[in-house]
Structures are given as structure tokens and as C-alpha cells.
């Protein structure tokens, strides 16, 4: 049973903790997904190795049930409690985002949390880093197919100051060779609408976001992701009524004006050498 202290360390708000304590998910479905999670912890599962339930609350119940398992795996690797809890606390953040987006208790991004519970992503300061292999279908310049890289992810936890970003990369350079010496990495990758060239060219060049994006060398072909721009800027999926959204920041105005002018936001790809 999850304790009050564990809920706190997982980043649950009071409202989400209260709802989680009353959670009534299908016990058989929870047990089946928990068994899947235990089976693949530490194996860097490929696509198709793990099937998330249709019901996000089944996933949530399974995450809570297997909390001791992923915590044990972290300890066995010598990962500090600080990094372990900071990584797993994304669960509380995602619950809060889901409530803000949909107005009720839920875990819209339950598929995203499976990578935390299988031991493939780690929060190191401001950024998260996902250890994975370069797929044949999306090669990264200067790497071999199957080479290990770390994918950069940007949680919603504050500004992307150069100092915080430098600190995260410094931590990653120490963390991965120590914890996963069998998977050497020399490259970090990023796939995000935050490095769409339109955004980088139309925000102030000295802004934290642009300075962050300019660290990465573009590669590959961008893909359309209009929903990502709306969701990550406004925490909504509604593209039908743009007038409802605030235009308080330059970023908010840029996102909305591009769509209103017939443009499409895209996820672009970049890499940098560690």
C-alpha cells in the first residue's frame, strides 16, 4: 500500500492523492499490467514488448503497485534517492497536467509513464534523459544503427536557463557512464516542436528557449504536430476556438498566430555531442 510519504515523494497533489486512495481499478487488469512491468524493468523494452491498458487508471494502479520494484532496481544500480524520486515524481506532475487539461482525476499520458517504470528515463536537474538505441528508421548523423544515445525531454518545471541546462548535461555526462557503462553514449537527441525553425527564428534570439534550441544541430525531416504546440502551450487539445486562449506571452501569441495564418507547427529533430 502506498504511504502518505510515498505519495508526497511521487509529487501527488492533495486532490490526486485523495482520488488515488479511492481508486477502484479492475484487479485482474492491474495485476496483469504490473506483471508486465516487473518483467521488463531494466530490459529497455522495444516497441510491442509492453502493452499499456486501455484504462489509464489501471496503469496508475499498476505503477503504484510496482513502486517497490522500480525503487529496488534504482538502488541496485546505485542511483541516488534524489534522482530516483525526482524521476518517479513525474507521475504526480502528469496527474496534475491531466486534471488541468480535462478537469478531473486521470492520467492521460499513462503511456509516457511506462518508460519511468521500466528504468529507461532519468531526471537529472532541469532535464530528463531517455537512454535508448538509435532506430534504423530514424538515423542520427555521426552514429551507427543501434548505437545508444540519450533523448532529451523537457518537463514543465520552470525556465530553461543556460545555467540549469548546462548543469543537467554535466549530470548526464557523469550519470550514464557510471550507471550504464555497458551502454556508452556520446550523443544526445531531441525531437520537439520547441526546435521548429519557425519558433527559433521568431522568438528573441537571447531567450532561454531559443538558446536551448540552438544547442542542437538539425537532422531528419520534421513531422506535423499542431496538437503538441497547443497542448504544451495551453494544456488543451482544442483547436476549434483559438480565441479562448490567452495571448499574454510572446510564445502564446506566436503559436496562435501561426495557426491562424494557415501554418502548421512541426516536431523537428536535433542532436548534440556530449
Protein backbone atom coordinates (compact mmCIF):
# COMPACT_ATOMS: atom_id res chain seq x y z
CA UNK A 1 0.00 0.00 0.00
CA UNK A 2 1.34 3.42 -0.95
CA UNK A 3 2.18 5.54 2.09
CA UNK A 4 1.49 9.25 2.57
CA UNK A 5 5.24 9.93 2.33
CA UNK A 6 5.48 7.99 -0.93
CA UNK A 7 2.60 9.98 -2.39
CA UNK A 8 4.44 13.15 -1.41
CA UNK A 9 7.69 11.98 -2.99
CA UNK A 10 5.79 11.00 -6.13
CA UNK A 11 4.62 14.60 -6.44
CA UNK A 12 0.89 13.97 -5.92
CA UNK A 13 -1.30 16.94 -5.12
CA UNK A 14 -3.69 16.52 -2.20
CA UNK A 15 -6.62 16.13 -4.60
CA UNK A 16 -4.88 13.46 -6.67
CA UNK A 17 -3.72 11.58 -3.56
CA UNK A 18 -7.27 11.50 -2.23
CA UNK A 19 -8.59 10.17 -5.53
CA UNK A 20 -5.76 7.65 -5.81
CA UNK A 21 -6.53 6.31 -2.35
CA UNK A 22 -10.12 5.66 -3.52
CA UNK A 23 -9.01 4.15 -6.83
CA UNK A 24 -11.12 1.14 -7.81
CA UNK A 25 -9.46 -0.34 -10.89
CA UNK A 26 -10.04 -3.85 -12.23
CA UNK A 27 -7.78 -6.02 -10.01
CA UNK A 28 -7.05 -8.57 -12.72
CA UNK A 29 -6.09 -5.92 -15.26
CA UNK A 30 -3.89 -4.20 -12.67
CA UNK A 31 -2.16 -7.48 -11.78
CA UNK A 32 -1.55 -8.30 -15.45
CA UNK A 33 0.00 -4.92 -16.24
CA UNK A 34 2.04 -4.96 -13.02
CA UNK A 35 3.40 -8.36 -14.06
CA UNK A 36 4.36 -6.92 -17.45
CA UNK A 37 6.16 -4.02 -15.80
CA UNK A 38 8.10 -6.29 -13.45
CA UNK A 39 9.12 -8.48 -16.38
CA UNK A 40 10.63 -5.65 -18.43
CA UNK A 41 12.19 -3.42 -15.75
CA UNK A 42 15.77 -2.80 -16.79
CA UNK A 43 15.45 -4.51 -20.17
CA UNK A 44 14.93 -1.38 -22.31
CA UNK A 45 11.81 -2.87 -23.89
CA UNK A 46 11.28 -2.40 -27.60
CA UNK A 47 8.00 -1.23 -29.06
CA UNK A 48 5.48 -4.01 -28.64
CA UNK A 49 7.20 -5.57 -25.62
CA UNK A 50 4.86 -3.74 -23.26
CA UNK A 51 1.17 -3.08 -23.85
CA UNK A 52 -0.39 -0.34 -21.76
CA UNK A 53 -4.00 -0.94 -20.69
CA UNK A 54 -6.84 0.94 -22.36
CA UNK A 55 -7.85 2.33 -18.96
CA UNK A 56 -5.26 4.86 -17.73
CA UNK A 57 -6.34 4.25 -14.13
CA UNK A 58 -5.34 0.60 -14.45
CA UNK A 59 -1.88 1.85 -15.41
CA UNK A 60 -1.84 4.20 -12.42
CA UNK A 61 -2.79 1.41 -10.02
CA UNK A 62 -0.08 -0.82 -11.52
CA UNK A 63 2.52 1.94 -11.18
CA UNK A 64 1.69 2.28 -7.50
CA UNK A 65 1.74 -1.49 -7.00
CA UNK A 66 5.17 -1.81 -8.61
CA UNK A 67 6.72 1.21 -6.91
CA UNK A 68 8.84 -1.07 -4.67
CA UNK A 69 10.11 -2.89 -7.77
CA UNK A 70 11.34 0.16 -9.67
CA UNK A 71 12.77 1.64 -6.47
CA UNK A 72 14.68 -1.62 -5.87
CA UNK A 73 16.04 -1.54 -9.42
CA UNK A 74 17.28 2.03 -8.90
CA UNK A 75 19.02 1.07 -5.66
CA UNK A 76 20.68 -1.94 -7.27
CA UNK A 77 22.16 0.37 -9.92
CA UNK A 78 23.47 2.75 -7.26
CA UNK A 79 21.09 5.54 -8.27
CA UNK A 80 20.60 8.07 -5.50
CA UNK A 81 17.26 8.54 -3.80
CA UNK A 82 17.32 12.12 -5.06
CA UNK A 83 17.46 11.06 -8.72
CA UNK A 84 15.12 8.11 -8.21
CA UNK A 85 12.33 10.14 -6.62
CA UNK A 86 12.84 13.09 -8.97
CA UNK A 87 12.37 10.69 -11.89
CA UNK A 88 9.31 8.94 -10.49
CA UNK A 89 7.74 12.22 -9.36
CA UNK A 90 6.84 12.83 -12.98
CA UNK A 91 3.83 10.66 -12.16
CA UNK A 92 2.43 13.35 -9.89
CA UNK A 93 3.18 16.02 -12.48
CA UNK A 94 1.35 14.07 -15.18
CA UNK A 95 -1.68 13.59 -12.93
CA UNK A 96 -1.75 17.32 -12.28
CA UNK A 97 -1.48 18.08 -16.01
CA UNK A 98 -4.27 15.61 -16.76
CA UNK A 99 -6.54 17.25 -14.18
CA UNK A 100 -5.73 20.69 -15.54
CA UNK A 101 -6.39 19.56 -19.11
CA UNK A 102 -9.54 17.51 -18.55
CA UNK A 103 -10.93 18.91 -15.30
CA UNK A 104 -10.89 15.59 -13.47
CA UNK A 105 -8.70 12.90 -11.95
CA UNK A 106 -6.92 10.87 -14.60
CA UNK A 107 -3.64 10.03 -16.28
CA UNK A 108 -3.94 10.98 -19.92
CA UNK A 109 -0.23 10.35 -20.53
CA UNK A 110 -0.11 6.93 -18.86
CA UNK A 111 1.79 5.51 -21.86
CA UNK A 112 4.55 8.08 -21.21
CA UNK A 113 4.97 6.93 -17.61
CA UNK A 114 5.80 3.36 -18.65
CA UNK A 115 9.34 4.48 -19.55
CA UNK A 116 9.88 5.73 -16.00
CA UNK A 117 8.64 2.45 -14.56
CA UNK A 118 10.88 0.34 -16.79
CA UNK A 119 14.03 2.24 -15.87
CA UNK A 120 14.88 3.93 -19.15
CA UNK A 121 14.48 7.64 -18.29
CA UNK A 122 16.06 9.73 -15.53
CA UNK A 123 15.52 13.26 -14.25
CA UNK A 124 18.88 14.97 -13.83
CA UNK A 125 18.27 18.53 -12.77
CA UNK A 126 16.16 20.57 -15.19
CA UNK A 127 16.02 17.93 -17.95
CA UNK A 128 15.07 14.29 -18.35
CA UNK A 129 17.21 11.87 -20.35
CA UNK A 130 15.93 8.71 -22.03
CA UNK A 131 18.53 6.03 -22.75
CA UNK A 132 17.72 4.22 -25.97
CA UNK A 133 19.19 2.89 -29.20
CA UNK A 134 19.19 4.75 -32.50
CA UNK A 135 16.41 3.22 -34.62
CA UNK A 136 17.20 2.11 -38.15
CA UNK A 137 14.19 4.09 -39.34
CA UNK A 138 15.48 7.41 -38.00
CA UNK A 139 19.30 7.56 -38.17
CA UNK A 140 21.20 10.24 -36.30
CA UNK A 141 24.22 11.79 -38.08
CA UNK A 142 27.51 10.53 -36.73
CA UNK A 143 26.02 7.46 -35.05
CA UNK A 144 25.67 3.84 -36.03
CA UNK A 145 22.31 1.99 -36.15
CA UNK A 146 21.71 0.54 -32.72
CA UNK A 147 24.14 2.91 -31.01
CA UNK A 148 22.99 4.11 -27.58
CA UNK A 149 22.00 7.77 -27.23
CA UNK A 150 20.14 9.83 -24.67
CA UNK A 151 16.93 11.53 -25.75
CA UNK A 152 16.34 14.88 -24.07
CA UNK A 153 12.91 15.67 -22.61
CA UNK A 154 11.78 18.95 -21.08
CA UNK A 155 9.41 18.69 -18.11
CA UNK A 156 7.19 21.59 -17.18
CA UNK A 157 9.23 22.71 -14.18
CA UNK A 158 10.33 26.27 -14.89
CA UNK A 159 12.64 28.28 -17.13
CA UNK A 160 15.30 26.75 -19.35
CA UNK A 161 18.14 28.95 -18.18
CA UNK A 162 21.54 28.19 -19.73
CA UNK A 163 22.95 27.52 -16.26
CA UNK A 164 20.30 24.89 -15.45
CA UNK A 165 20.66 23.27 -18.87
CA UNK A 166 24.46 23.14 -18.54
CA UNK A 167 24.05 21.56 -15.11
CA UNK A 168 21.71 18.88 -16.47
CA UNK A 169 24.10 17.93 -19.26
CA UNK A 170 27.00 17.84 -16.80
CA UNK A 171 25.00 15.47 -14.62
CA UNK A 172 24.14 13.29 -17.63
CA UNK A 173 27.81 13.06 -18.64
CA UNK A 174 28.60 11.68 -15.18
CA UNK A 175 25.47 9.60 -14.62
CA UNK A 176 25.18 7.41 -17.70
CA UNK A 177 28.80 6.13 -17.92
CA UNK A 178 28.67 5.31 -14.19
CA UNK A 179 25.23 3.68 -14.05
CA UNK A 180 25.10 2.12 -17.54
CA UNK A 181 28.74 1.52 -18.55
CA UNK A 182 27.60 -1.28 -20.87
CA UNK A 183 25.67 1.28 -22.95
CA UNK A 184 28.18 4.04 -23.77
CA UNK A 185 26.65 7.25 -25.11
CA UNK A 186 28.27 10.14 -26.95
CA UNK A 187 25.22 11.86 -28.43
CA UNK A 188 22.05 13.50 -27.12
CA UNK A 189 18.98 13.87 -29.32
CA UNK A 190 15.84 15.96 -29.17
CA UNK A 191 12.54 15.70 -31.01
CA UNK A 192 10.27 18.61 -30.19
CA UNK A 193 8.14 21.39 -31.61
CA UNK A 194 10.34 23.68 -29.49
CA UNK A 195 13.01 23.36 -32.17
CA UNK A 196 10.65 24.02 -35.07
CA UNK A 197 12.71 26.55 -37.11
CA UNK A 198 9.73 28.91 -37.18
CA UNK A 199 9.79 29.14 -33.40
CA UNK A 200 13.58 29.54 -33.19
CA UNK A 201 13.55 32.26 -35.86
CA UNK A 202 10.63 34.25 -34.43
CA UNK A 203 11.34 34.42 -30.71
CA UNK A 204 14.02 36.76 -29.30
CA UNK A 205 17.39 35.20 -30.02
CA UNK A 206 18.56 35.78 -26.46
CA UNK A 207 15.55 33.99 -24.94
CA UNK A 208 16.16 30.85 -22.91
CA UNK A 209 14.08 28.76 -25.30
CA UNK A 210 15.97 29.84 -28.40
CA UNK A 211 19.36 29.48 -26.76
CA UNK A 212 18.36 25.97 -25.70
CA UNK A 213 17.15 25.04 -29.18
CA UNK A 214 20.27 26.40 -30.90
CA UNK A 215 22.40 23.88 -28.97
CA UNK A 216 21.09 21.14 -31.28
CA UNK A 217 22.12 20.52 -34.88
CA UNK A 218 19.03 19.82 -37.02
CA UNK A 219 18.67 16.47 -38.78
CA UNK A 220 15.94 14.45 -40.47
CA UNK A 221 12.57 15.62 -41.70
CA UNK A 222 10.16 17.44 -39.37
CA UNK A 223 6.69 16.00 -38.84
CA UNK A 224 3.44 17.91 -38.33
CA UNK A 225 2.43 18.28 -34.68
CA UNK A 226 -0.13 21.06 -34.39
CA UNK A 227 -1.63 19.42 -31.30
CA UNK A 228 1.71 19.42 -29.49
CA UNK A 229 2.06 23.17 -29.80
CA UNK A 230 -1.43 23.77 -28.41
CA UNK A 231 -1.18 21.11 -25.71
CA UNK A 232 2.21 22.09 -24.32
CA UNK A 233 1.48 25.82 -24.51
CA UNK A 234 -2.10 25.83 -23.22
CA UNK A 235 -2.68 22.30 -21.84
CA UNK A 236 -5.63 21.75 -24.13
CA UNK A 237 -6.27 19.77 -27.31
CA UNK A 238 -8.96 22.12 -28.62
CA UNK A 239 -8.02 23.60 -31.99
CA UNK A 240 -11.53 24.74 -32.84
CA UNK A 241 -11.66 28.01 -30.88
CA UNK A 242 -8.30 29.74 -30.76
CA UNK A 243 -9.88 32.90 -29.35
CA UNK A 244 -10.30 31.17 -25.99
CA UNK A 245 -6.57 31.03 -25.32
CA UNK A 246 -4.55 33.74 -23.56
CA UNK A 247 -2.06 35.82 -25.53
CA UNK A 248 -0.09 37.10 -22.58
CA UNK A 249 3.34 35.91 -23.70
CA UNK A 250 5.21 36.22 -26.96
CA UNK A 251 5.23 32.42 -27.23
CA UNK A 252 1.45 32.18 -26.83
CA UNK A 253 0.90 34.82 -29.50
CA UNK A 254 3.38 33.17 -31.87
CA UNK A 255 1.74 29.75 -31.50
CA UNK A 256 -1.75 31.09 -32.18
CA UNK A 257 -0.83 33.49 -34.96
CA UNK A 258 0.95 30.83 -36.97
CA UNK A 259 -2.11 28.58 -36.86
CA UNK A 260 -4.47 31.47 -37.67
CA UNK A 261 -2.29 32.33 -40.66
CA UNK A 262 -2.64 28.80 -42.04
CA UNK A 263 0.66 27.44 -40.76
CA UNK A 264 1.35 24.09 -39.12
CA UNK A 265 3.64 23.53 -36.15
CA UNK A 266 6.08 20.69 -36.56
CA UNK A 267 8.22 18.45 -34.40
CA UNK A 268 11.81 18.92 -35.54
CA UNK A 269 14.84 16.84 -34.64
CA UNK A 270 18.29 17.78 -33.45
CA UNK A 271 21.40 16.28 -31.90
CA UNK A 272 24.44 17.39 -29.95
CA UNK A 273 27.68 15.70 -28.99
CA UNK A 274 28.28 15.04 -25.34
